[in-house]
Amino acid sequence: MENNTDPNSEDAVRNSKAAREARSIVRFMIEHTAYGGFGALVFGCLVLFFDIGGIYSLAMSSRDAPIFIFLLFFGLFITFGGISLGIGIMNLGGFSDDDRYRDERTSHRNRDD
């Protein structure tokens, strides 16, 4: 039996509108998670540098300091990345919601001139 797959059909699927939109969504998610990750990195470094709550001193007095630092930054990355991604997703509908609100506000205005 012969395999009748056309190499151009794979390119058509790869460059289809659905595939481009999927890549766009994944890029959006990675970009916003990276913003949160950068914020987590900055915040974690500042917490350790200023020794807030004695966290740095406590971690360095332990023999498991690398595990502690990893868990601190992992938790911060998950938290800040999730918040950043959530803010990005919630801002996606901001334009249409805002336009509709303005339209309703101007059409139902009380004219007491």
PDB file of N, CA and C in Angstrom:
ATOM      1  N   MET A   1       0.842  -1.170   0.000  1.00  0.00           N
ATOM      2  CA  MET A   1       0.000   0.000   0.000  1.00  0.00           C
ATOM      3  C   MET A   1       0.889   1.234   0.000  1.00  0.00           C
ATOM      4  N   GLU A   2       0.469   2.182  -0.758  1.00  0.00           N
ATOM      5  CA  GLU A   2       1.229   3.401  -0.927  1.00  0.00           C
ATOM      6  C   GLU A   2       0.659   4.507  -0.045  1.00  0.00           C
ATOM      7  N   ASN A   3       1.518   5.297   0.539  1.00  0.00           N
ATOM      8  CA  ASN A   3       1.086   6.408   1.380  1.00  0.00           C
ATOM      9  C   ASN A   3       0.920   7.642   0.489  1.00  0.00           C
ATOM     10  N   ASN A   4      -0.310   8.131   0.364  1.00  0.00           N
ATOM     11  CA  ASN A   4      -0.614   9.242  -0.530  1.00  0.00           C
ATOM     12  C   ASN A   4      -0.727  10.562   0.218  1.00  0.00           C
ATOM     13  N   THR A   5       0.229  10.860   1.051  1.00  0.00           N
ATOM     14  CA  THR A   5       0.179  12.139   1.755  1.00  0.00           C
ATOM     15  C   THR A   5       0.896  13.186   0.924  1.00  0.00           C
ATOM     16  N   ASP A   6       0.287  14.283   0.777  1.00  0.00           N
ATOM     17  CA  ASP A   6       0.846  15.390   0.013  1.00  0.00           C
ATOM     18  C   ASP A   6       1.659  16.274   0.953  1.00  0.00           C
ATOM     19  N   PRO A   7       2.928  16.523   0.676  1.00  0.00           N
ATOM     20  CA  PRO A   7       3.733  17.360   1.579  1.00  0.00           C
ATOM     21  C   PRO A   7       3.187  18.780   1.686  1.00  0.00           C
ATOM     22  N   ASN A   8       2.491  19.244   0.666  1.00  0.00           N
ATOM     23  CA  ASN A   8       1.929  20.583   0.723  1.00  0.00           C
ATOM     24  C   ASN A   8       0.745  20.671   1.683  1.00  0.00           C
ATOM     25  N   SER A   9       0.077  19.547   1.944  1.00  0.00           N
ATOM     26  CA  SER A   9      -1.055  19.577   2.869  1.00  0.00           C
ATOM     27  C   SER A   9      -0.587  19.830   4.305  1.00  0.00           C
ATOM     28  N   GLU A  10       0.590  19.317   4.671  1.00  0.00           N
ATOM     29  CA  GLU A  10       1.133  19.594   6.004  1.00  0.00           C
ATOM     30  C   GLU A  10       1.461  21.072   6.152  1.00  0.00           C
ATOM     31  N   ASP A  11       2.018  21.670   5.115  1.00  0.00           N
ATOM     32  CA  ASP A  11       2.300  23.101   5.163  1.00  0.00           C
ATOM     33  C   ASP A  11       1.022  23.916   5.241  1.00  0.00           C
ATOM     34  N   ALA A  12      -0.010  23.455   4.562  1.00  0.00           N
ATOM     35  CA  ALA A  12      -1.285  24.171   4.598  1.00  0.00           C
ATOM     36  C   ALA A  12      -1.885  24.135   5.997  1.00  0.00           C
ATOM     37  N   VAL A  13      -1.785  22.984   6.653  1.00  0.00           N
ATOM     38  CA  VAL A  13      -2.307  22.870   8.012  1.00  0.00           C
ATOM     39  C   VAL A  13      -1.468  23.705   8.965  1.00  0.00           C
ATOM     40  N   ARG A  14      -0.156  23.662   8.800  1.00  0.00           N
ATOM     41  CA  ARG A  14       0.755  24.398   9.681  1.00  0.00           C
ATOM     42  C   ARG A  14       0.567  25.905   9.541  1.00  0.00           C
ATOM     43  N   ASN A  15       0.205  26.369   8.355  1.00  0.00           N
ATOM     44  CA  ASN A  15       0.033  27.806   8.118  1.00  0.00           C
ATOM     45  C   ASN A  15      -1.428  28.225   8.083  1.00  0.00           C
ATOM     46  N   SER A  16      -2.315  27.375   8.547  1.00  0.00           N
ATOM     47  CA  SER A  16      -3.735  27.718   8.535  1.00  0.00           C
ATOM     48  C   SER A  16      -4.023  28.797   9.575  1.00  0.00           C
ATOM     49  N   LYS A  17      -5.194  29.382   9.476  1.00  0.00           N
ATOM     50  CA  LYS A  17      -5.579  30.450  10.401  1.00  0.00           C
ATOM     51  C   LYS A  17      -5.636  29.924  11.839  1.00  0.00           C
ATOM     52  N   ALA A  18      -6.155  28.722  12.019  1.00  0.00           N
ATOM     53  CA  ALA A  18      -6.252  28.130  13.361  1.00  0.00           C
ATOM     54  C   ALA A  18      -4.862  27.915  13.965  1.00  0.00           C
ATOM     55  N   ALA A  19      -3.924  27.455  13.163  1.00  0.00           N
ATOM     56  CA  ALA A  19      -2.564  27.230  13.668  1.00  0.00           C
ATOM     57  C   ALA A  19      -1.889  28.548  14.024  1.00  0.00           C
ATOM     58  N   ARG A  20      -2.099  29.584  13.195  1.00  0.00           N
ATOM     59  CA  ARG A  20      -1.518  30.894  13.506  1.00  0.00           C
ATOM     60  C   ARG A  20      -2.113  31.465  14.789  1.00  0.00           C
ATOM     61  N   GLU A  21      -3.426  31.300  14.975  1.00  0.00           N
ATOM     62  CA  GLU A  21      -4.072  31.787  16.196  1.00  0.00           C
ATOM     63  C   GLU A  21      -3.581  31.026  17.414  1.00  0.00           C
ATOM     64  N   ALA A  22      -3.384  29.716  17.275  1.00  0.00           N
ATOM     65  CA  ALA A  22      -2.886  28.909  18.394  1.00  0.00           C
ATOM     66  C   ALA A  22      -1.472  29.355  18.782  1.00  0.00           C
ATOM     67  N   ARG A  23      -0.626  29.601  17.787  1.00  0.00           N
ATOM     68  CA  ARG A  23       0.727  30.086  18.089  1.00  0.00           C
ATOM     69  C   ARG A  23       0.672  31.454  18.747  1.00  0.00           C
ATOM     70  N   SER A  24      -0.252  32.283  18.309  1.00  0.00           N
ATOM     71  CA  SER A  24      -0.406  33.609  18.902  1.00  0.00           C
ATOM     72  C   SER A  24      -0.837  33.515  20.363  1.00  0.00           C
ATOM     73  N   ILE A  25      -1.733  32.609  20.671  1.00  0.00           N
ATOM     74  CA  ILE A  25      -2.200  32.425  22.045  1.00  0.00           C
ATOM     75  C   ILE A  25      -1.070  31.907  22.932  1.00  0.00           C
ATOM     76  N   VAL A  26      -0.330  30.939  22.442  1.00  0.00           N
ATOM     77  CA  VAL A  26       0.778  30.380  23.223  1.00  0.00           C
ATOM     78  C   VAL A  26       1.846  31.450  23.460  1.00  0.00           C
ATOM     79  N   ARG A  27       2.150  32.241  22.432  1.00  0.00           N
ATOM     80  CA  ARG A  27       3.126  33.323  22.584  1.00  0.00           C
ATOM     81  C   ARG A  27       2.649  34.342  23.614  1.00  0.00           C
ATOM     82  N   PHE A  28       1.348  34.674  23.588  1.00  0.00           N
ATOM     83  CA  PHE A  28       0.760  35.595  24.552  1.00  0.00           C
ATOM     84  C   PHE A  28       0.922  35.074  25.976  1.00  0.00           C
ATOM     85  N   MET A  29       0.636  33.780  26.171  1.00  0.00           N
ATOM     86  CA  MET A  29       0.739  33.189  27.506  1.00  0.00           C
ATOM     87  C   MET A  29       2.185  33.157  27.995  1.00  0.00           C
ATOM     88  N   ILE A  30       3.103  32.777  27.125  1.00  0.00           N
ATOM     89  CA  ILE A  30       4.513  32.720  27.516  1.00  0.00           C
ATOM     90  C   ILE A  30       5.036  34.119  27.834  1.00  0.00           C
ATOM     91  N   GLU A  31       4.644  35.093  27.021  1.00  0.00           N
ATOM     92  CA  GLU A  31       5.106  36.461  27.236  1.00  0.00           C
ATOM     93  C   GLU A  31       4.631  37.010  28.577  1.00  0.00           C
ATOM     94  N   HIS A  32       3.366  36.828  28.905  1.00  0.00           N
ATOM     95  CA  HIS A  32       2.851  37.366  30.161  1.00  0.00           C
ATOM     96  C   HIS A  32       3.378  36.584  31.369  1.00  0.00           C
ATOM     97  N   THR A  33       3.581  35.290  31.221  1.00  0.00           N
ATOM     98  CA  THR A  33       4.170  34.518  32.310  1.00  0.00           C
ATOM     99  C   THR A  33       5.622  34.939  32.534  1.00  0.00           C
ATOM    100  N   ALA A  34       6.329  35.278  31.463  1.00  0.00           N
ATOM    101  CA  ALA A  34       7.710  35.754  31.599  1.00  0.00           C
ATOM    102  C   ALA A  34       7.754  37.101  32.315  1.00  0.00           C
ATOM    103  N   TYR A  35       6.779  37.978  32.038  1.00  0.00           N
ATOM    104  CA  TYR A  35       6.718  39.250  32.771  1.00  0.00           C
ATOM    105  C   TYR A  35       6.572  38.976  34.273  1.00  0.00           C
ATOM    106  N   GLY A  36       5.673  38.073  34.624  1.00  0.00           N
ATOM    107  CA  GLY A  36       5.498  37.723  36.032  1.00  0.00           C
ATOM    108  C   GLY A  36       6.734  37.067  36.610  1.00  0.00           C
ATOM    109  N   GLY A  37       7.407  36.246  35.823  1.00  0.00           N
ATOM    110  CA  GLY A  37       8.644  35.611  36.281  1.00  0.00           C
ATOM    111  C   GLY A  37       9.740  36.618  36.556  1.00  0.00           C
ATOM    112  N   PHE A  38       9.818  37.637  35.713  1.00  0.00           N
ATOM    113  CA  PHE A  38      10.805  38.698  35.954  1.00  0.00           C
ATOM    114  C   PHE A  38      10.473  39.457  37.237  1.00  0.00           C
ATOM    115  N   GLY A  39       9.194  39.735  37.443  1.00  0.00           N
ATOM    116  CA  GLY A  39       8.773  40.391  38.681  1.00  0.00           C
ATOM    117  C   GLY A  39       9.082  39.542  39.896  1.00  0.00           C
ATOM    118  N   ALA A  40       8.878  38.234  39.786  1.00  0.00           N
ATOM    119  CA  ALA A  40       9.185  37.322  40.892  1.00  0.00           C
ATOM    120  C   ALA A  40      10.679  37.300  41.181  1.00  0.00           C
ATOM    121  N   LEU A  41      11.475  37.311  40.127  1.00  0.00           N
ATOM    122  CA  LEU A  41      12.925  37.310  40.305  1.00  0.00           C
ATOM    123  C   LEU A  41      13.382  38.584  41.022  1.00  0.00           C
ATOM    124  N   VAL A  42      12.875  39.724  40.596  1.00  0.00           N
ATOM    125  CA  VAL A  42      13.239  40.997  41.231  1.00  0.00           C
ATOM    126  C   VAL A  42      12.775  41.015  42.691  1.00  0.00           C
ATOM    127  N   PHE A  43      11.535  40.633  42.927  1.00  0.00           N
ATOM    128  CA  PHE A  43      10.994  40.642  44.286  1.00  0.00           C
ATOM    129  C   PHE A  43      11.753  39.685  45.192  1.00  0.00           C
ATOM    130  N   GLY A  44      12.025  38.474  44.704  1.00  0.00           N
ATOM    131  CA  GLY A  44      12.764  37.497  45.505  1.00  0.00           C
ATOM    132  C   GLY A  44      14.168  37.960  45.837  1.00  0.00           C
ATOM    133  N   CYS A  45      14.843  38.573  44.875  1.00  0.00           N
ATOM    134  CA  CYS A  45      16.195  39.090  45.136  1.00  0.00           C
ATOM    135  C   CYS A  45      16.160  40.216  46.153  1.00  0.00           C
ATOM    136  N   LEU A  46      15.160  41.085  46.059  1.00  0.00           N
ATOM    137  CA  LEU A  46      15.053  42.176  47.033  1.00  0.00           C
ATOM    138  C   LEU A  46      14.756  41.650  48.438  1.00  0.00           C
ATOM    139  N   VAL A  47      13.899  40.643  48.524  1.00  0.00           N
ATOM    140  CA  VAL A  47      13.589  40.047  49.833  1.00  0.00           C
ATOM    141  C   VAL A  47      14.842  39.441  50.440  1.00  0.00           C
ATOM    142  N   LEU A  48      15.618  38.736  49.630  1.00  0.00           N
ATOM    143  CA  LEU A  48      16.841  38.128  50.152  1.00  0.00           C
ATOM    144  C   LEU A  48      17.910  39.183  50.446  1.00  0.00           C
ATOM    145  N   PHE A  49      18.034  40.189  49.603  1.00  0.00           N
ATOM    146  CA  PHE A  49      19.055  41.223  49.810  1.00  0.00           C
ATOM    147  C   PHE A  49      18.804  42.019  51.088  1.00  0.00           C
ATOM    148  N   PHE A  50      17.559  42.412  51.326  1.00  0.00           N
ATOM    149  CA  PHE A  50      17.241  43.195  52.515  1.00  0.00           C
ATOM    150  C   PHE A  50      16.938  42.317  53.727  1.00  0.00           C
ATOM    151  N   ASP A  51      17.016  41.008  53.553  1.00  0.00           N
ATOM    152  CA  ASP A  51      16.832  40.040  54.641  1.00  0.00           C
ATOM    153  C   ASP A  51      15.522  40.289  55.398  1.00  0.00           C
ATOM    154  N   ILE A  52      14.453  40.429  54.635  1.00  0.00           N
ATOM    155  CA  ILE A  52      13.140  40.698  55.225  1.00  0.00           C
ATOM    156  C   ILE A  52      12.691  39.470  56.013  1.00  0.00           C
ATOM    157  N   GLY A  53      12.353  39.701  57.265  1.00  0.00           N
ATOM    158  CA  GLY A  53      11.917  38.616  58.136  1.00  0.00           C
ATOM    159  C   GLY A  53      13.025  37.638  58.481  1.00  0.00           C
ATOM    160  N   GLY A  54      14.258  37.991  58.177  1.00  0.00           N
ATOM    161  CA  GLY A  54      15.382  37.106  58.473  1.00  0.00           C
ATOM    162  C   GLY A  54      15.423  35.884  57.568  1.00  0.00           C
ATOM    163  N   ILE A  55      14.796  35.975  56.396  1.00  0.00           N
ATOM    164  CA  ILE A  55      14.714  34.812  55.501  1.00  0.00           C
ATOM    165  C   ILE A  55      16.102  34.402  55.000  1.00  0.00           C
ATOM    166  N   TYR A  56      16.896  35.387  54.574  1.00  0.00           N
ATOM    167  CA  TYR A  56      18.220  35.059  54.050  1.00  0.00           C
ATOM    168  C   TYR A  56      19.101  34.464  55.142  1.00  0.00           C
ATOM    169  N   SER A  57      19.072  35.045  56.329  1.00  0.00           N
ATOM    170  CA  SER A  57      19.886  34.535  57.438  1.00  0.00           C
ATOM    171  C   SER A  57      19.477  33.118  57.798  1.00  0.00           C
ATOM    172  N   LEU A  58      18.187  32.883  57.843  1.00  0.00           N
ATOM    173  CA  LEU A  58      17.682  31.559  58.166  1.00  0.00           C
ATOM    174  C   LEU A  58      18.081  30.542  57.105  1.00  0.00           C
ATOM    175  N   ALA A  59      17.970  30.933  55.837  1.00  0.00           N
ATOM    176  CA  ALA A  59      18.316  30.009  54.751  1.00  0.00           C
ATOM    177  C   ALA A  59      19.809  29.689  54.758  1.00  0.00           C
ATOM    178  N   MET A  60      20.640  30.679  54.976  1.00  0.00           N
ATOM    179  CA  MET A  60      22.083  30.455  54.927  1.00  0.00           C
ATOM    180  C   MET A  60      22.606  29.698  56.141  1.00  0.00           C
ATOM    181  N   SER A  61      21.863  29.689  57.226  1.00  0.00           N
ATOM    182  CA  SER A  61      22.299  28.922  58.396  1.00  0.00           C
ATOM    183  C   SER A  61      21.911  27.449  58.275  1.00  0.00           C
ATOM    184  N   SER A  62      21.122  27.127  57.280  1.00  0.00           N
ATOM    185  CA  SER A  62      20.696  25.746  57.065  1.00  0.00           C
ATOM    186  C   SER A  62      21.609  25.068  56.048  1.00  0.00           C
ATOM    187  N   ARG A  63      21.746  23.771  56.162  1.00  0.00           N
ATOM    188  CA  ARG A  63      22.535  23.040  55.168  1.00  0.00           C
ATOM    189  C   ARG A  63      21.741  22.823  53.883  1.00  0.00           C
ATOM    190  N   ASP A  64      20.419  23.065  53.932  1.00  0.00           N
ATOM    191  CA  ASP A  64      19.556  22.899  52.764  1.00  0.00           C
ATOM    192  C   ASP A  64      19.225  24.237  52.108  1.00  0.00           C
ATOM    193  N   ALA A  65      20.164  25.166  52.121  1.00  0.00           N
ATOM    194  CA  ALA A  65      19.931  26.508  51.578  1.00  0.00           C
ATOM    195  C   ALA A  65      19.539  26.490  50.096  1.00  0.00           C
ATOM    196  N   PRO A  66      20.177  25.700  49.243  1.00  0.00           N
ATOM    197  CA  PRO A  66      19.773  25.716  47.829  1.00  0.00           C
ATOM    198  C   PRO A  66      18.322  25.268  47.619  1.00  0.00           C
ATOM    199  N   ILE A  67      17.884  24.295  48.390  1.00  0.00           N
ATOM    200  CA  ILE A  67      16.499  23.838  48.268  1.00  0.00           C
ATOM    201  C   ILE A  67      15.543  24.929  48.734  1.00  0.00           C
ATOM    202  N   PHE A  68      15.893  25.606  49.827  1.00  0.00           N
ATOM    203  CA  PHE A  68      15.058  26.680  50.334  1.00  0.00           C
ATOM    204  C   PHE A  68      14.939  27.809  49.314  1.00  0.00           C
ATOM    205  N   ILE A  69      16.061  28.221  48.734  1.00  0.00           N
ATOM    206  CA  ILE A  69      16.054  29.307  47.750  1.00  0.00           C
ATOM    207  C   ILE A  69      15.260  28.894  46.516  1.00  0.00           C
ATOM    208  N   PHE A  70      15.432  27.658  46.065  1.00  0.00           N
ATOM    209  CA  PHE A  70      14.671  27.163  44.918  1.00  0.00           C
ATOM    210  C   PHE A  70      13.171  27.200  45.198  1.00  0.00           C
ATOM    211  N   LEU A  71      12.761  26.725  46.364  1.00  0.00           N
ATOM    212  CA  LEU A  71      11.334  26.712  46.700  1.00  0.00           C
ATOM    213  C   LEU A  71      10.771  28.123  46.832  1.00  0.00           C
ATOM    214  N   LEU A  72      11.571  29.046  47.372  1.00  0.00           N
ATOM    215  CA  LEU A  72      11.132  30.433  47.473  1.00  0.00           C
ATOM    216  C   LEU A  72      10.868  31.011  46.088  1.00  0.00           C
ATOM    217  N   PHE A  73      11.832  30.865  45.190  1.00  0.00           N
ATOM    218  CA  PHE A  73      11.678  31.438  43.852  1.00  0.00           C
ATOM    219  C   PHE A  73      10.636  30.684  43.023  1.00  0.00           C
ATOM    220  N   PHE A  74      10.513  29.385  43.222  1.00  0.00           N
ATOM    221  CA  PHE A  74       9.481  28.620  42.506  1.00  0.00           C
ATOM    222  C   PHE A  74       8.089  29.105  42.904  1.00  0.00           C
ATOM    223  N   GLY A  75       7.862  29.282  44.190  1.00  0.00           N
ATOM    224  CA  GLY A  75       6.563  29.774  44.652  1.00  0.00           C
ATOM    225  C   GLY A  75       6.281  31.181  44.164  1.00  0.00           C
ATOM    226  N   LEU A  76       7.305  32.032  44.187  1.00  0.00           N
ATOM    227  CA  LEU A  76       7.122  33.398  43.688  1.00  0.00           C
ATOM    228  C   LEU A  76       6.833  33.399  42.190  1.00  0.00           C
ATOM    229  N   PHE A  77       7.534  32.545  41.442  1.00  0.00           N
ATOM    230  CA  PHE A  77       7.312  32.481  39.993  1.00  0.00           C
ATOM    231  C   PHE A  77       5.892  32.028  39.682  1.00  0.00           C
ATOM    232  N   ILE A  78       5.415  31.007  40.371  1.00  0.00           N
ATOM    233  CA  ILE A  78       4.051  30.525  40.135  1.00  0.00           C
ATOM    234  C   ILE A  78       3.038  31.622  40.467  1.00  0.00           C
ATOM    235  N   THR A  79       3.238  32.304  41.585  1.00  0.00           N
ATOM    236  CA  THR A  79       2.302  33.344  42.009  1.00  0.00           C
ATOM    237  C   THR A  79       2.322  34.538  41.067  1.00  0.00           C
ATOM    238  N   PHE A  80       3.504  35.103  40.838  1.00  0.00           N
ATOM    239  CA  PHE A  80       3.602  36.298  40.005  1.00  0.00           C
ATOM    240  C   PHE A  80       3.267  35.983  38.545  1.00  0.00           C
ATOM    241  N   GLY A  81       3.692  34.820  38.052  1.00  0.00           N
ATOM    242  CA  GLY A  81       3.367  34.438  36.678  1.00  0.00           C
ATOM    243  C   GLY A  81       1.875  34.254  36.480  1.00  0.00           C
ATOM    244  N   GLY A  82       1.219  33.629  37.448  1.00  0.00           N
ATOM    245  CA  GLY A  82      -0.231  33.447  37.359  1.00  0.00           C
ATOM    246  C   GLY A  82      -0.980  34.765  37.422  1.00  0.00           C
ATOM    247  N   ILE A  83      -0.532  35.665  38.273  1.00  0.00           N
ATOM    248  CA  ILE A  83      -1.181  36.976  38.368  1.00  0.00           C
ATOM    249  C   ILE A  83      -0.990  37.753  37.071  1.00  0.00           C
ATOM    250  N   SER A  84       0.207  37.738  36.537  1.00  0.00           N
ATOM    251  CA  SER A  84       0.481  38.455  35.294  1.00  0.00           C
ATOM    252  C   SER A  84      -0.326  37.877  34.133  1.00  0.00           C
ATOM    253  N   LEU A  85      -0.397  36.566  34.054  1.00  0.00           N
ATOM    254  CA  LEU A  85      -1.180  35.928  32.996  1.00  0.00           C
ATOM    255  C   LEU A  85      -2.658  36.245  33.159  1.00  0.00           C
ATOM    256  N   GLY A  86      -3.151  36.212  34.386  1.00  0.00           N
ATOM    257  CA  GLY A  86      -4.553  36.546  34.635  1.00  0.00           C
ATOM    258  C   GLY A  86      -4.886  37.974  34.265  1.00  0.00           C
ATOM    259  N   ILE A  87      -3.998  38.907  34.592  1.00  0.00           N
ATOM    260  CA  ILE A  87      -4.222  40.303  34.227  1.00  0.00           C
ATOM    261  C   ILE A  87      -4.229  40.453  32.711  1.00  0.00           C
ATOM    262  N   GLY A  88      -3.306  39.791  32.036  1.00  0.00           N
ATOM    263  CA  GLY A  88      -3.272  39.856  30.572  1.00  0.00           C
ATOM    264  C   GLY A  88      -4.539  39.305  29.944  1.00  0.00           C
ATOM    265  N   ILE A  89      -5.044  38.202  30.456  1.00  0.00           N
ATOM    266  CA  ILE A  89      -6.262  37.600  29.909  1.00  0.00           C
ATOM    267  C   ILE A  89      -7.463  38.487  30.189  1.00  0.00           C
ATOM    268  N   MET A  90      -7.541  39.050  31.395  1.00  0.00           N
ATOM    269  CA  MET A  90      -8.685  39.910  31.717  1.00  0.00           C
ATOM    270  C   MET A  90      -8.666  41.204  30.910  1.00  0.00           C
ATOM    271  N   ASN A  91      -7.494  41.663  30.492  1.00  0.00           N
ATOM    272  CA  ASN A  91      -7.408  42.874  29.691  1.00  0.00           C
ATOM    273  C   ASN A  91      -7.725  42.638  28.221  1.00  0.00           C
ATOM    274  N   LEU A  92      -7.842  41.392  27.787  1.00  0.00           N
ATOM    275  CA  LEU A  92      -8.147  41.114  26.390  1.00  0.00           C
ATOM    276  C   LEU A  92      -9.500  41.683  25.978  1.00  0.00           C
ATOM    277  N   GLY A  93     -10.504  41.601  26.817  1.00  0.00           N
ATOM    278  CA  GLY A  93     -11.840  42.064  26.467  1.00  0.00           C
ATOM    279  C   GLY A  93     -12.094  43.500  26.834  1.00  0.00           C
ATOM    280  N   GLY A  94     -11.094  44.221  27.256  1.00  0.00           N
ATOM    281  CA  GLY A  94     -11.275  45.583  27.725  1.00  0.00           C
ATOM    282  C   GLY A  94     -11.784  46.544  26.673  1.00  0.00           C
ATOM    283  N   PHE A  95     -11.391  46.363  25.418  1.00  0.00           N
ATOM    284  CA  PHE A  95     -11.773  47.325  24.391  1.00  0.00           C
ATOM    285  C   PHE A  95     -13.250  47.218  24.054  1.00  0.00           C
ATOM    286  N   SER A  96     -13.728  46.014  23.792  1.00  0.00           N
ATOM    287  CA  SER A  96     -15.131  45.875  23.411  1.00  0.00           C
ATOM    288  C   SER A  96     -16.051  46.178  24.592  1.00  0.00           C
ATOM    289  N   ASP A  97     -15.664  45.774  25.799  1.00  0.00           N
ATOM    290  CA  ASP A  97     -16.498  46.068  26.961  1.00  0.00           C
ATOM    291  C   ASP A  97     -16.582  47.570  27.189  1.00  0.00           C
ATOM    292  N   ASP A  98     -15.457  48.263  27.053  1.00  0.00           N
ATOM    293  CA  ASP A  98     -15.425  49.695  27.275  1.00  0.00           C
ATOM    294  C   ASP A  98     -16.253  50.425  26.213  1.00  0.00           C
ATOM    295  N   ASP A  99     -16.141  49.994  24.957  1.00  0.00           N
ATOM    296  CA  ASP A  99     -16.918  50.628  23.892  1.00  0.00           C
ATOM    297  C   ASP A  99     -18.411  50.465  24.123  1.00  0.00           C
ATOM    298  N   ARG A 100     -18.828  49.287  24.510  1.00  0.00           N
ATOM    299  CA  ARG A 100     -20.245  49.040  24.733  1.00  0.00           C
ATOM    300  C   ARG A 100     -20.744  49.871  25.916  1.00  0.00           C
ATOM    301  N   TYR A 101     -19.939  49.990  26.954  1.00  0.00           N
ATOM    302  CA  TYR A 101     -20.341  50.778  28.121  1.00  0.00           C
ATOM    303  C   TYR A 101     -20.518  52.245  27.733  1.00  0.00           C
ATOM    304  N   ARG A 102     -19.598  52.770  26.944  1.00  0.00           N
ATOM    305  CA  ARG A 102     -19.713  54.160  26.525  1.00  0.00           C
ATOM    306  C   ARG A 102     -20.965  54.367  25.677  1.00  0.00           C
ATOM    307  N   ASP A 103     -21.266  53.410  24.803  1.00  0.00           N
ATOM    308  CA  ASP A 103     -22.464  53.541  23.970  1.00  0.00           C
ATOM    309  C   ASP A 103     -23.722  53.560  24.822  1.00  0.00           C
ATOM    310  N   GLU A 104     -23.813  52.666  25.812  1.00  0.00           N
ATOM    311  CA  GLU A 104     -24.991  52.627  26.678  1.00  0.00           C
ATOM    312  C   GLU A 104     -25.077  53.879  27.529  1.00  0.00           C
ATOM    313  N   ARG A 105     -23.955  54.395  27.979  1.00  0.00           N
ATOM    314  CA  ARG A 105     -23.951  55.566  28.834  1.00  0.00           C
ATOM    315  C   ARG A 105     -24.445  56.791  28.064  1.00  0.00           C
ATOM    316  N   THR A 106     -23.998  56.938  26.824  1.00  0.00           N
ATOM    317  CA  THR A 106     -24.411  58.120  26.060  1.00  0.00           C
ATOM    318  C   THR A 106     -25.841  58.010  25.561  1.00  0.00           C
ATOM    319  N   SER A 107     -26.333  56.802  25.306  1.00  0.00           N
ATOM    320  CA  SER A 107     -27.698  56.680  24.797  1.00  0.00           C
ATOM    321  C   SER A 107     -28.742  56.791  25.904  1.00  0.00           C
ATOM    322  N   HIS A 108     -28.378  56.566  27.162  1.00  0.00           N
ATOM    323  CA  HIS A 108     -29.332  56.626  28.278  1.00  0.00           C
ATOM    324  C   HIS A 108     -29.094  57.835  29.167  1.00  0.00           C
ATOM    325  N   ARG A 109     -28.448  58.841  28.634  1.00  0.00           N
ATOM    326  CA  ARG A 109     -28.122  60.022  29.442  1.00  0.00           C
ATOM    327  C   ARG A 109     -29.389  60.859  29.665  1.00  0.00           C
ATOM    328  N   ASN A 110     -29.548  61.337  30.873  1.00  0.00           N
ATOM    329  CA  ASN A 110     -30.667  62.256  31.173  1.00  0.00           C
ATOM    330  C   ASN A 110     -30.280  63.658  30.724  1.00  0.00           C
ATOM    331  N   ARG A 111     -31.101  64.244  29.925  1.00  0.00           N
ATOM    332  CA  ARG A 111     -30.812  65.582  29.420  1.00  0.00           C
ATOM    333  C   ARG A 111     -31.644  66.590  30.193  1.00  0.00           C
ATOM    334  N   ASP A 112     -30.995  67.228  31.147  1.00  0.00           N
ATOM    335  CA  ASP A 112     -31.665  68.245  31.966  1.00  0.00           C
ATOM    336  C   ASP A 112     -31.135  69.627  31.620  1.00  0.00           C
ATOM    337  N   ASP A 113     -30.974  69.899  30.324  1.00  0.00           N
ATOM    338  CA  ASP A 113     -30.449  71.193  29.900  1.00  0.00           C
ATOM    339  C   ASP A 113     -31.485  72.265  29.890  1.00  0.00           C
TER     340      ASP A 113
END
